[in-house]
Amino acid sequence: MFPSSYYLRELIDAYSLQKGFSLKPTVEMTTLETMLLMVEKGIGATVLPFTYLQHMNNPHIKVVQLTDPTPMRSLGIMYRKDKFMCAATKVFIDEIKNNQSSLQIKQEAN
C-alpha cells in the first residue's frame, strides 16, 4: 500500500473502515509501478485506482473493482488565469471535460 500520509491511502483506509474492517499493510511503497511489480511477482496484493488498472493488459494480474459504493476522489485542473494558455493546454482541458462523464467540472470565477 501507499504510506498512510498519501491521500489515496487515506481514501482506501476510510473506505475499508466504512465497510467494517481496517487494512494492515505489511509493506508501504511510494510508486504504482513498484506495487504492480510486487503483485506481478506474487508478493501480495494492493489497492490502486481503477482508472490506472482498467487498461492494463497483464495476464499475471487479476483486477477486481471495488463497488457498493465505489470509492471516489475529487480532481481539479489549476492554471494561471493571468498567463497565456497555449492551444495544446486548451485541447487537453477540453478533452478532460468531454471524456470524463464521471467528473463534475466546476469552473471557478476567481
PDB file of N, CA and C in Angstrom:
ATOM      1  N   MET A   1       0.847  -1.184   0.000  1.00  0.00           N
ATOM      2  CA  MET A   1       0.000   0.000   0.000  1.00  0.00           C
ATOM      3  C   MET A   1       0.890   1.245   0.000  1.00  0.00           C
ATOM      4  N   PHE A   2       0.249   2.357  -0.325  1.00  0.00           N
ATOM      5  CA  PHE A   2       0.946   3.636  -0.189  1.00  0.00           C
ATOM      6  C   PHE A   2       1.139   3.941   1.295  1.00  0.00           C
ATOM      7  N   PRO A   3       2.090   4.821   1.638  1.00  0.00           N
ATOM      8  CA  PRO A   3       2.230   5.249   3.033  1.00  0.00           C
ATOM      9  C   PRO A   3       0.947   5.932   3.523  1.00  0.00           C
ATOM     10  N   SER A   4       0.728   5.912   4.811  1.00  0.00           N
ATOM     11  CA  SER A   4      -0.514   6.460   5.381  1.00  0.00           C
ATOM     12  C   SER A   4      -0.661   7.962   5.162  1.00  0.00           C
ATOM     13  N   SER A   5       0.418   8.651   4.831  1.00  0.00           N
ATOM     14  CA  SER A   5       0.343  10.095   4.598  1.00  0.00           C
ATOM     15  C   SER A   5      -0.167  10.438   3.189  1.00  0.00           C
ATOM     16  N   TYR A   6      -0.311   9.456   2.299  1.00  0.00           N
ATOM     17  CA  TYR A   6      -0.785   9.702   0.933  1.00  0.00           C
ATOM     18  C   TYR A   6      -2.304   9.809   0.921  1.00  0.00           C
ATOM     19  N   TYR A   7      -2.815  10.726   0.093  1.00  0.00           N
ATOM     20  CA  TYR A   7      -4.261  10.935   0.015  1.00  0.00           C
ATOM     21  C   TYR A   7      -4.984   9.665  -0.424  1.00  0.00           C
ATOM     22  N   LEU A   8      -4.445   8.967  -1.428  1.00  0.00           N
ATOM     23  CA  LEU A   8      -5.093   7.748  -1.904  1.00  0.00           C
ATOM     24  C   LEU A   8      -5.171   6.705  -0.789  1.00  0.00           C
ATOM     25  N   ARG A   9      -4.169   6.599   0.010  1.00  0.00           N
ATOM     26  CA  ARG A   9      -4.184   5.661   1.149  1.00  0.00           C
ATOM     27  C   ARG A   9      -5.252   6.071   2.154  1.00  0.00           C
ATOM     28  N   GLU A  10      -5.371   7.368   2.416  1.00  0.00           N
ATOM     29  CA  GLU A  10      -6.421   7.845   3.320  1.00  0.00           C
ATOM     30  C   GLU A  10      -7.800   7.466   2.785  1.00  0.00           C
ATOM     31  N   LEU A  11      -7.988   7.595   1.476  1.00  0.00           N
ATOM     32  CA  LEU A  11      -9.253   7.236   0.842  1.00  0.00           C
ATOM     33  C   LEU A  11      -9.532   5.737   1.002  1.00  0.00           C
ATOM     34  N   ILE A  12      -8.528   4.920   0.774  1.00  0.00           N
ATOM     35  CA  ILE A  12      -8.676   3.462   0.900  1.00  0.00           C
ATOM     36  C   ILE A  12      -8.942   3.075   2.347  1.00  0.00           C
ATOM     37  N   ASP A  13      -8.226   3.680   3.286  1.00  0.00           N
ATOM     38  CA  ASP A  13      -8.453   3.387   4.703  1.00  0.00           C
ATOM     39  C   ASP A  13      -9.875   3.766   5.121  1.00  0.00           C
ATOM     40  N   ALA A  14     -10.344   4.917   4.671  1.00  0.00           N
ATOM     41  CA  ALA A  14     -11.709   5.350   5.002  1.00  0.00           C
ATOM     42  C   ALA A  14     -12.736   4.394   4.407  1.00  0.00           C
ATOM     43  N   TYR A  15     -12.490   3.948   3.180  1.00  0.00           N
ATOM     44  CA  TYR A  15     -13.401   3.000   2.527  1.00  0.00           C
ATOM     45  C   TYR A  15     -13.468   1.692   3.312  1.00  0.00           C
ATOM     46  N   SER A  16     -12.316   1.175   3.707  1.00  0.00           N
ATOM     47  CA  SER A  16     -12.315  -0.097   4.426  1.00  0.00           C
ATOM     48  C   SER A  16     -13.012   0.043   5.786  1.00  0.00           C
ATOM     49  N   LEU A  17     -12.795   1.159   6.469  1.00  0.00           N
ATOM     50  CA  LEU A  17     -13.481   1.371   7.752  1.00  0.00           C
ATOM     51  C   LEU A  17     -14.989   1.450   7.554  1.00  0.00           C
ATOM     52  N   GLN A  18     -15.401   2.098   6.455  1.00  0.00           N
ATOM     53  CA  GLN A  18     -16.830   2.189   6.140  1.00  0.00           C
ATOM     54  C   GLN A  18     -17.423   0.791   5.916  1.00  0.00           C
ATOM     55  N   LYS A  19     -16.617  -0.117   5.407  1.00  0.00           N
ATOM     56  CA  LYS A  19     -17.059  -1.495   5.161  1.00  0.00           C
ATOM     57  C   LYS A  19     -16.888  -2.385   6.389  1.00  0.00           C
ATOM     58  N   GLY A  20     -16.339  -1.845   7.485  1.00  0.00           N
ATOM     59  CA  GLY A  20     -16.266  -2.587   8.732  1.00  0.00           C
ATOM     60  C   GLY A  20     -14.964  -3.314   9.012  1.00  0.00           C
ATOM     61  N   PHE A  21     -13.892  -2.951   8.324  1.00  0.00           N
ATOM     62  CA  PHE A  21     -12.601  -3.569   8.605  1.00  0.00           C
ATOM     63  C   PHE A  21     -11.496  -2.542   8.396  1.00  0.00           C
ATOM     64  N   SER A  22     -10.304  -2.863   8.844  1.00  0.00           N
ATOM     65  CA  SER A  22      -9.163  -1.975   8.611  1.00  0.00           C
ATOM     66  C   SER A  22      -8.036  -2.780   7.975  1.00  0.00           C
ATOM     67  N   LEU A  23      -7.317  -2.150   7.083  1.00  0.00           N
ATOM     68  CA  LEU A  23      -6.194  -2.790   6.407  1.00  0.00           C
ATOM     69  C   LEU A  23      -4.942  -2.660   7.263  1.00  0.00           C
ATOM     70  N   LYS A  24      -4.144  -3.681   7.253  1.00  0.00           N
ATOM     71  CA  LYS A  24      -2.873  -3.682   7.982  1.00  0.00           C
ATOM     72  C   LYS A  24      -1.768  -4.041   6.991  1.00  0.00           C
ATOM     73  N   PRO A  25      -1.318  -3.064   6.192  1.00  0.00           N
ATOM     74  CA  PRO A  25      -0.302  -3.347   5.176  1.00  0.00           C
ATOM     75  C   PRO A  25       0.999  -3.858   5.790  1.00  0.00           C
ATOM     76  N   THR A  26       1.603  -4.808   5.106  1.00  0.00           N
ATOM     77  CA  THR A  26       2.894  -5.341   5.518  1.00  0.00           C
ATOM     78  C   THR A  26       4.021  -4.479   4.983  1.00  0.00           C
ATOM     79  N   VAL A  27       3.817  -3.950   3.762  1.00  0.00           N
ATOM     80  CA  VAL A  27       4.824  -3.137   3.098  1.00  0.00           C
ATOM     81  C   VAL A  27       4.156  -1.877   2.567  1.00  0.00           C
ATOM     82  N   GLU A  28       4.832  -0.743   2.701  1.00  0.00           N
ATOM     83  CA  GLU A  28       4.352   0.511   2.119  1.00  0.00           C
ATOM     84  C   GLU A  28       5.342   0.954   1.050  1.00  0.00           C
ATOM     85  N   MET A  29       4.810   1.366  -0.106  1.00  0.00           N
ATOM     86  CA  MET A  29       5.640   1.814  -1.226  1.00  0.00           C
ATOM     87  C   MET A  29       5.089   3.118  -1.767  1.00  0.00           C
ATOM     88  N   THR A  30       5.934   3.848  -2.476  1.00  0.00           N
ATOM     89  CA  THR A  30       5.529   5.174  -2.937  1.00  0.00           C
ATOM     90  C   THR A  30       5.229   5.252  -4.429  1.00  0.00           C
ATOM     91  N   THR A  31       5.377   4.169  -5.185  1.00  0.00           N
ATOM     92  CA  THR A  31       5.086   4.238  -6.623  1.00  0.00           C
ATOM     93  C   THR A  31       4.139   3.126  -7.047  1.00  0.00           C
ATOM     94  N   LEU A  32       3.252   3.466  -7.977  1.00  0.00           N
ATOM     95  CA  LEU A  32       2.319   2.484  -8.527  1.00  0.00           C
ATOM     96  C   LEU A  32       3.070   1.351  -9.222  1.00  0.00           C
ATOM     97  N   GLU A  33       4.106   1.710  -9.963  1.00  0.00           N
ATOM     98  CA  GLU A  33       4.850   0.720 -10.734  1.00  0.00           C
ATOM     99  C   GLU A  33       5.475  -0.343  -9.837  1.00  0.00           C
ATOM    100  N   THR A  34       6.029   0.082  -8.704  1.00  0.00           N
ATOM    101  CA  THR A  34       6.648  -0.872  -7.782  1.00  0.00           C
ATOM    102  C   THR A  34       5.593  -1.789  -7.185  1.00  0.00           C
ATOM    103  N   MET A  35       4.437  -1.248  -6.829  1.00  0.00           N
ATOM    104  CA  MET A  35       3.366  -2.076  -6.281  1.00  0.00           C
ATOM    105  C   MET A  35       2.916  -3.112  -7.301  1.00  0.00           C
ATOM    106  N   LEU A  36       2.745  -2.679  -8.557  1.00  0.00           N
ATOM    107  CA  LEU A  36       2.327  -3.618  -9.592  1.00  0.00           C
ATOM    108  C   LEU A  36       3.370  -4.707  -9.825  1.00  0.00           C
ATOM    109  N   LEU A  37       4.628  -4.353  -9.780  1.00  0.00           N
ATOM    110  CA  LEU A  37       5.697  -5.333  -9.948  1.00  0.00           C
ATOM    111  C   LEU A  37       5.657  -6.375  -8.837  1.00  0.00           C
ATOM    112  N   MET A  38       5.443  -5.932  -7.603  1.00  0.00           N
ATOM    113  CA  MET A  38       5.360  -6.860  -6.472  1.00  0.00           C
ATOM    114  C   MET A  38       4.174  -7.815  -6.656  1.00  0.00           C
ATOM    115  N   VAL A  39       3.026  -7.281  -7.060  1.00  0.00           N
ATOM    116  CA  VAL A  39       1.847  -8.115  -7.291  1.00  0.00           C
ATOM    117  C   VAL A  39       2.120  -9.101  -8.425  1.00  0.00           C
ATOM    118  N   GLU A  40       2.715  -8.620  -9.517  1.00  0.00           N
ATOM    119  CA  GLU A  40       3.022  -9.478 -10.661  1.00  0.00           C
ATOM    120  C   GLU A  40       3.938 -10.634 -10.257  1.00  0.00           C
ATOM    121  N   LYS A  41       4.859 -10.382  -9.343  1.00  0.00           N
ATOM    122  CA  LYS A  41       5.793 -11.413  -8.883  1.00  0.00           C
ATOM    123  C   LYS A  41       5.177 -12.313  -7.808  1.00  0.00           C
ATOM    124  N   GLY A  42       3.911 -12.065  -7.455  1.00  0.00           N
ATOM    125  CA  GLY A  42       3.232 -12.913  -6.480  1.00  0.00           C
ATOM    126  C   GLY A  42       3.526 -12.563  -5.045  1.00  0.00           C
ATOM    127  N   ILE A  43       3.989 -11.334  -4.814  1.00  0.00           N
ATOM    128  CA  ILE A  43       4.326 -10.907  -3.451  1.00  0.00           C
ATOM    129  C   ILE A  43       3.220  -9.980  -2.951  1.00  0.00           C
ATOM    130  N   GLY A  44       2.050 -10.523  -2.686  1.00  0.00           N
ATOM    131  CA  GLY A  44       0.965  -9.744  -2.114  1.00  0.00           C
ATOM    132  C   GLY A  44      -0.030  -9.197  -3.112  1.00  0.00           C
ATOM    133  N   ALA A  45      -0.851  -8.293  -2.604  1.00  0.00           N
ATOM    134  CA  ALA A  45      -1.908  -7.633  -3.370  1.00  0.00           C
ATOM    135  C   ALA A  45      -1.927  -6.173  -2.955  1.00  0.00           C
ATOM    136  N   THR A  46      -2.602  -5.346  -3.740  1.00  0.00           N
ATOM    137  CA  THR A  46      -2.685  -3.930  -3.400  1.00  0.00           C
ATOM    138  C   THR A  46      -4.011  -3.361  -3.885  1.00  0.00           C
ATOM    139  N   VAL A  47      -4.293  -2.142  -3.487  1.00  0.00           N
ATOM    140  CA  VAL A  47      -5.475  -1.409  -3.937  1.00  0.00           C
ATOM    141  C   VAL A  47      -4.973  -0.169  -4.648  1.00  0.00           C
ATOM    142  N   LEU A  48      -5.367  -0.025  -5.926  1.00  0.00           N
ATOM    143  CA  LEU A  48      -4.937   1.105  -6.753  1.00  0.00           C
ATOM    144  C   LEU A  48      -6.127   1.671  -7.498  1.00  0.00           C
ATOM    145  N   PRO A  49      -6.007   2.882  -8.035  1.00  0.00           N
ATOM    146  CA  PRO A  49      -7.116   3.466  -8.795  1.00  0.00           C
ATOM    147  C   PRO A  49      -7.488   2.591 -10.001  1.00  0.00           C
ATOM    148  N   PHE A  50      -8.777   2.345 -10.165  1.00  0.00           N
ATOM    149  CA  PHE A  50      -9.262   1.510 -11.264  1.00  0.00           C
ATOM    150  C   PHE A  50      -8.892   2.105 -12.617  1.00  0.00           C
ATOM    151  N   THR A  51      -8.899   3.429 -12.718  1.00  0.00           N
ATOM    152  CA  THR A  51      -8.552   4.062 -13.989  1.00  0.00           C
ATOM    153  C   THR A  51      -7.134   3.714 -14.415  1.00  0.00           C
ATOM    154  N   TYR A  52      -6.261   3.479 -13.458  1.00  0.00           N
ATOM    155  CA  TYR A  52      -4.890   3.084 -13.759  1.00  0.00           C
ATOM    156  C   TYR A  52      -4.838   1.626 -14.218  1.00  0.00           C
ATOM    157  N   LEU A  53      -5.705   0.806 -13.658  1.00  0.00           N
ATOM    158  CA  LEU A  53      -5.661  -0.631 -13.903  1.00  0.00           C
ATOM    159  C   LEU A  53      -6.529  -1.099 -15.065  1.00  0.00           C
ATOM    160  N   GLN A  54      -7.567  -0.339 -15.431  1.00  0.00           N
ATOM    161  CA  GLN A  54      -8.540  -0.843 -16.397  1.00  0.00           C
ATOM    162  C   GLN A  54      -7.969  -1.111 -17.786  1.00  0.00           C
ATOM    163  N   HIS A  55      -6.894  -0.450 -18.157  1.00  0.00           N
ATOM    164  CA  HIS A  55      -6.302  -0.666 -19.476  1.00  0.00           C
ATOM    165  C   HIS A  55      -5.046  -1.528 -19.411  1.00  0.00           C
ATOM    166  N   MET A  56      -4.746  -2.002 -18.225  1.00  0.00           N
ATOM    167  CA  MET A  56      -3.564  -2.835 -18.060  1.00  0.00           C
ATOM    168  C   MET A  56      -3.823  -4.193 -18.700  1.00  0.00           C
ATOM    169  N   ASN A  57      -2.875  -4.660 -19.448  1.00  0.00           N
ATOM    170  CA  ASN A  57      -3.016  -5.942 -20.120  1.00  0.00           C
ATOM    171  C   ASN A  57      -1.906  -6.865 -19.629  1.00  0.00           C
ATOM    172  N   ASN A  58      -2.070  -7.355 -18.409  1.00  0.00           N
ATOM    173  CA  ASN A  58      -1.066  -8.216 -17.809  1.00  0.00           C
ATOM    174  C   ASN A  58      -1.744  -9.522 -17.385  1.00  0.00           C
ATOM    175  N   PRO A  59      -1.436 -10.621 -18.053  1.00  0.00           N
ATOM    176  CA  PRO A  59      -2.104 -11.888 -17.742  1.00  0.00           C
ATOM    177  C   PRO A  59      -1.785 -12.428 -16.348  1.00  0.00           C
ATOM    178  N   HIS A  60      -0.799 -11.879 -15.675  1.00  0.00           N
ATOM    179  CA  HIS A  60      -0.409 -12.352 -14.354  1.00  0.00           C
ATOM    180  C   HIS A  60      -1.126 -11.615 -13.222  1.00  0.00           C
ATOM    181  N   ILE A  61      -1.887 -10.573 -13.572  1.00  0.00           N
ATOM    182  CA  ILE A  61      -2.544  -9.765 -12.539  1.00  0.00           C
ATOM    183  C   ILE A  61      -4.053  -9.790 -12.758  1.00  0.00           C
ATOM    184  N   LYS A  62      -4.793 -10.089 -11.705  1.00  0.00           N
ATOM    185  CA  LYS A  62      -6.254 -10.068 -11.722  1.00  0.00           C
ATOM    186  C   LYS A  62      -6.721  -8.759 -11.112  1.00  0.00           C
ATOM    187  N   VAL A  63      -7.556  -8.015 -11.838  1.00  0.00           N
ATOM    188  CA  VAL A  63      -8.091  -6.744 -11.361  1.00  0.00           C
ATOM    189  C   VAL A  63      -9.520  -6.971 -10.874  1.00  0.00           C
ATOM    190  N   VAL A  64      -9.804  -6.534  -9.663  1.00  0.00           N
ATOM    191  CA  VAL A  64     -11.131  -6.632  -9.074  1.00  0.00           C
ATOM    192  C   VAL A  64     -11.562  -5.221  -8.708  1.00  0.00           C
ATOM    193  N   GLN A  65     -12.696  -4.773  -9.251  1.00  0.00           N
ATOM    194  CA  GLN A  65     -13.163  -3.415  -8.975  1.00  0.00           C
ATOM    195  C   GLN A  65     -13.953  -3.381  -7.673  1.00  0.00           C
ATOM    196  N   LEU A  66     -13.652  -2.395  -6.818  1.00  0.00           N
ATOM    197  CA  LEU A  66     -14.398  -2.197  -5.576  1.00  0.00           C
ATOM    198  C   LEU A  66     -15.723  -1.522  -5.895  1.00  0.00           C
ATOM    199  N   THR A  67     -16.794  -2.015  -5.281  1.00  0.00           N
ATOM    200  CA  THR A  67     -18.118  -1.437  -5.512  1.00  0.00           C
ATOM    201  C   THR A  67     -18.882  -1.363  -4.199  1.00  0.00           C
ATOM    202  N   ASP A  68     -20.032  -0.734  -4.282  1.00  0.00           N
ATOM    203  CA  ASP A  68     -21.027  -0.695  -3.209  1.00  0.00           C
ATOM    204  C   ASP A  68     -20.512  -0.066  -1.924  1.00  0.00           C
ATOM    205  N   PRO A  69     -20.186   1.181  -1.877  1.00  0.00           N
ATOM    206  CA  PRO A  69     -20.047   2.104  -3.011  1.00  0.00           C
ATOM    207  C   PRO A  69     -18.629   2.067  -3.579  1.00  0.00           C
ATOM    208  N   THR A  70     -18.490   2.548  -4.795  1.00  0.00           N
ATOM    209  CA  THR A  70     -17.169   2.674  -5.400  1.00  0.00           C
ATOM    210  C   THR A  70     -16.471   3.874  -4.778  1.00  0.00           C
ATOM    211  N   PRO A  71     -15.248   3.700  -4.262  1.00  0.00           N
ATOM    212  CA  PRO A  71     -14.533   4.855  -3.687  1.00  0.00           C
ATOM    213  C   PRO A  71     -14.313   5.924  -4.758  1.00  0.00           C
ATOM    214  N   MET A  72     -14.454   7.176  -4.383  1.00  0.00           N
ATOM    215  CA  MET A  72     -14.293   8.282  -5.328  1.00  0.00           C
ATOM    216  C   MET A  72     -13.321   9.300  -4.743  1.00  0.00           C
ATOM    217  N   ARG A  73     -12.730  10.078  -5.626  1.00  0.00           N
ATOM    218  CA  ARG A  73     -11.899  11.192  -5.184  1.00  0.00           C
ATOM    219  C   ARG A  73     -12.144  12.359  -6.126  1.00  0.00           C
ATOM    220  N   SER A  74     -11.870  13.542  -5.626  1.00  0.00           N
ATOM    221  CA  SER A  74     -12.081  14.752  -6.413  1.00  0.00           C
ATOM    222  C   SER A  74     -10.786  15.129  -7.122  1.00  0.00           C
ATOM    223  N   LEU A  75     -10.922  15.554  -8.355  1.00  0.00           N
ATOM    224  CA  LEU A  75      -9.790  16.024  -9.131  1.00  0.00           C
ATOM    225  C   LEU A  75     -10.054  17.449  -9.573  1.00  0.00           C
ATOM    226  N   GLY A  76      -9.021  18.169  -9.874  1.00  0.00           N
ATOM    227  CA  GLY A  76      -9.200  19.535 -10.336  1.00  0.00           C
ATOM    228  C   GLY A  76      -8.124  19.918 -11.334  1.00  0.00           C
ATOM    229  N   ILE A  77      -8.406  20.941 -12.079  1.00  0.00           N
ATOM    230  CA  ILE A  77      -7.447  21.495 -13.029  1.00  0.00           C
ATOM    231  C   ILE A  77      -7.142  22.903 -12.547  1.00  0.00           C
ATOM    232  N   MET A  78      -5.860  23.189 -12.399  1.00  0.00           N
ATOM    233  CA  MET A  78      -5.456  24.524 -11.973  1.00  0.00           C
ATOM    234  C   MET A  78      -4.538  25.118 -13.023  1.00  0.00           C
ATOM    235  N   TYR A  79      -4.722  26.389 -13.274  1.00  0.00           N
ATOM    236  CA  TYR A  79      -3.841  27.103 -14.195  1.00  0.00           C
ATOM    237  C   TYR A  79      -3.866  28.578 -13.847  1.00  0.00           C
ATOM    238  N   ARG A  80      -2.846  29.278 -14.291  1.00  0.00           N
ATOM    239  CA  ARG A  80      -2.760  30.720 -14.045  1.00  0.00           C
ATOM    240  C   ARG A  80      -3.671  31.434 -15.019  1.00  0.00           C
ATOM    241  N   LYS A  81      -4.676  32.119 -14.507  1.00  0.00           N
ATOM    242  CA  LYS A  81      -5.605  32.800 -15.400  1.00  0.00           C
ATOM    243  C   LYS A  81      -5.019  34.066 -16.005  1.00  0.00           C
ATOM    244  N   ASP A  82      -3.938  34.576 -15.429  1.00  0.00           N
ATOM    245  CA  ASP A  82      -3.334  35.794 -15.959  1.00  0.00           C
ATOM    246  C   ASP A  82      -2.180  35.505 -16.921  1.00  0.00           C
ATOM    247  N   LYS A  83      -2.001  34.223 -17.290  1.00  0.00           N
ATOM    248  CA  LYS A  83      -0.935  33.839 -18.208  1.00  0.00           C
ATOM    249  C   LYS A  83      -1.520  33.269 -19.491  1.00  0.00           C
ATOM    250  N   PHE A  84      -0.743  33.326 -20.550  1.00  0.00           N
ATOM    251  CA  PHE A  84      -1.146  32.785 -21.840  1.00  0.00           C
ATOM    252  C   PHE A  84      -1.337  31.273 -21.730  1.00  0.00           C
ATOM    253  N   MET A  85      -2.415  30.767 -22.319  1.00  0.00           N
ATOM    254  CA  MET A  85      -2.657  29.332 -22.350  1.00  0.00           C
ATOM    255  C   MET A  85      -2.540  28.863 -23.801  1.00  0.00           C
ATOM    256  N   CYS A  86      -1.577  27.993 -24.065  1.00  0.00           N
ATOM    257  CA  CYS A  86      -1.357  27.525 -25.432  1.00  0.00           C
ATOM    258  C   CYS A  86      -2.513  26.631 -25.889  1.00  0.00           C
ATOM    259  N   ALA A  87      -2.578  26.404 -27.180  1.00  0.00           N
ATOM    260  CA  ALA A  87      -3.651  25.604 -27.773  1.00  0.00           C
ATOM    261  C   ALA A  87      -3.640  24.174 -27.230  1.00  0.00           C
ATOM    262  N   ALA A  88      -2.456  23.602 -27.019  1.00  0.00           N
ATOM    263  CA  ALA A  88      -2.365  22.230 -26.510  1.00  0.00           C
ATOM    264  C   ALA A  88      -3.005  22.114 -25.124  1.00  0.00           C
ATOM    265  N   THR A  89      -2.778  23.097 -24.275  1.00  0.00           N
ATOM    266  CA  THR A  89      -3.374  23.073 -22.943  1.00  0.00           C
ATOM    267  C   THR A  89      -4.881  23.195 -23.020  1.00  0.00           C
ATOM    268  N   LYS A  90      -5.383  24.074 -23.887  1.00  0.00           N
ATOM    269  CA  LYS A  90      -6.830  24.221 -24.058  1.00  0.00           C
ATOM    270  C   LYS A  90      -7.460  22.926 -24.555  1.00  0.00           C
ATOM    271  N   VAL A  91      -6.810  22.262 -25.501  1.00  0.00           N
ATOM    272  CA  VAL A  91      -7.315  20.986 -26.020  1.00  0.00           C
ATOM    273  C   VAL A  91      -7.310  19.930 -24.921  1.00  0.00           C
ATOM    274  N   PHE A  92      -6.244  19.903 -24.131  1.00  0.00           N
ATOM    275  CA  PHE A  92      -6.144  18.953 -23.020  1.00  0.00           C
ATOM    276  C   PHE A  92      -7.315  19.138 -22.047  1.00  0.00           C
ATOM    277  N   ILE A  93      -7.580  20.361 -21.652  1.00  0.00           N
ATOM    278  CA  ILE A  93      -8.677  20.650 -20.720  1.00  0.00           C
ATOM    279  C   ILE A  93     -10.012  20.274 -21.345  1.00  0.00           C
ATOM    280  N   ASP A  94     -10.208  20.601 -22.620  1.00  0.00           N
ATOM    281  CA  ASP A  94     -11.452  20.233 -23.308  1.00  0.00           C
ATOM    282  C   ASP A  94     -11.636  18.719 -23.365  1.00  0.00           C
ATOM    283  N   GLU A  95     -10.555  17.982 -23.611  1.00  0.00           N
ATOM    284  CA  GLU A  95     -10.626  16.520 -23.663  1.00  0.00           C
ATOM    285  C   GLU A  95     -11.023  15.938 -22.314  1.00  0.00           C
ATOM    286  N   ILE A  96     -10.459  16.483 -21.254  1.00  0.00           N
ATOM    287  CA  ILE A  96     -10.830  16.011 -19.920  1.00  0.00           C
ATOM    288  C   ILE A  96     -12.320  16.255 -19.679  1.00  0.00           C
ATOM    289  N   LYS A  97     -12.785  17.439 -19.998  1.00  0.00           N
ATOM    290  CA  LYS A  97     -14.202  17.759 -19.793  1.00  0.00           C
ATOM    291  C   LYS A  97     -15.111  16.881 -20.639  1.00  0.00           C
ATOM    292  N   ASN A  98     -14.725  16.630 -21.879  1.00  0.00           N
ATOM    293  CA  ASN A  98     -15.580  15.884 -22.807  1.00  0.00           C
ATOM    294  C   ASN A  98     -15.558  14.372 -22.586  1.00  0.00           C
ATOM    295  N   ASN A  99     -14.473  13.839 -22.038  1.00  0.00           N
ATOM    296  CA  ASN A  99     -14.325  12.390 -21.948  1.00  0.00           C
ATOM    297  C   ASN A  99     -14.465  11.808 -20.557  1.00  0.00           C
ATOM    298  N   GLN A 100     -14.663  12.613 -19.584  1.00  0.00           N
ATOM    299  CA  GLN A 100     -14.792  12.116 -18.224  1.00  0.00           C
ATOM    300  C   GLN A 100     -16.168  12.441 -17.671  1.00  0.00           C
ATOM    301  N   SER A 101     -17.154  11.686 -18.096  1.00  0.00           N
ATOM    302  CA  SER A 101     -18.525  11.954 -17.664  1.00  0.00           C
ATOM    303  C   SER A 101     -18.693  11.802 -16.159  1.00  0.00           C
ATOM    304  N   SER A 102     -17.817  11.060 -15.514  1.00  0.00           N
ATOM    305  CA  SER A 102     -17.937  10.885 -14.067  1.00  0.00           C
ATOM    306  C   SER A 102     -17.358  12.068 -13.295  1.00  0.00           C
ATOM    307  N   LEU A 103     -16.633  12.946 -13.986  1.00  0.00           N
ATOM    308  CA  LEU A 103     -16.075  14.116 -13.309  1.00  0.00           C
ATOM    309  C   LEU A 103     -17.107  15.226 -13.260  1.00  0.00           C
ATOM    310  N   GLN A 104     -17.191  15.869 -12.143  1.00  0.00           N
ATOM    311  CA  GLN A 104     -18.021  17.054 -12.040  1.00  0.00           C
ATOM    312  C   GLN A 104     -17.093  18.251 -12.145  1.00  0.00           C
ATOM    313  N   ILE A 105     -17.114  18.918 -13.295  1.00  0.00           N
ATOM    314  CA  ILE A 105     -16.243  20.046 -13.546  1.00  0.00           C
ATOM    315  C   ILE A 105     -16.916  21.324 -13.043  1.00  0.00           C
ATOM    316  N   LYS A 106     -16.243  22.012 -12.163  1.00  0.00           N
ATOM    317  CA  LYS A 106     -16.745  23.282 -11.646  1.00  0.00           C
ATOM    318  C   LYS A 106     -15.728  24.343 -11.961  1.00  0.00           C
ATOM    319  N   GLN A 107     -16.113  25.302 -12.758  1.00  0.00           N
ATOM    320  CA  GLN A 107     -15.185  26.357 -13.129  1.00  0.00           C
ATOM    321  C   GLN A 107     -15.309  27.496 -12.133  1.00  0.00           C
ATOM    322  N   GLU A 108     -14.204  27.847 -11.536  1.00  0.00           N
ATOM    323  CA  GLU A 108     -14.181  28.929 -10.568  1.00  0.00           C
ATOM    324  C   GLU A 108     -14.063  30.267 -11.284  1.00  0.00           C
ATOM    325  N   ALA A 109     -14.765  31.250 -10.780  1.00  0.00           N
ATOM    326  CA  ALA A 109     -14.748  32.576 -11.386  1.00  0.00           C
ATOM    327  C   ALA A 109     -13.551  33.399 -10.932  1.00  0.00           C
ATOM    328  N   ASN A 110     -12.875  32.990  -9.885  1.00  0.00           N
ATOM    329  CA  ASN A 110     -11.766  33.779  -9.350  1.00  0.00           C
ATOM    330  C   ASN A 110     -10.580  33.759 -10.240  1.00  0.00           C
TER     331      ASN A 110
END
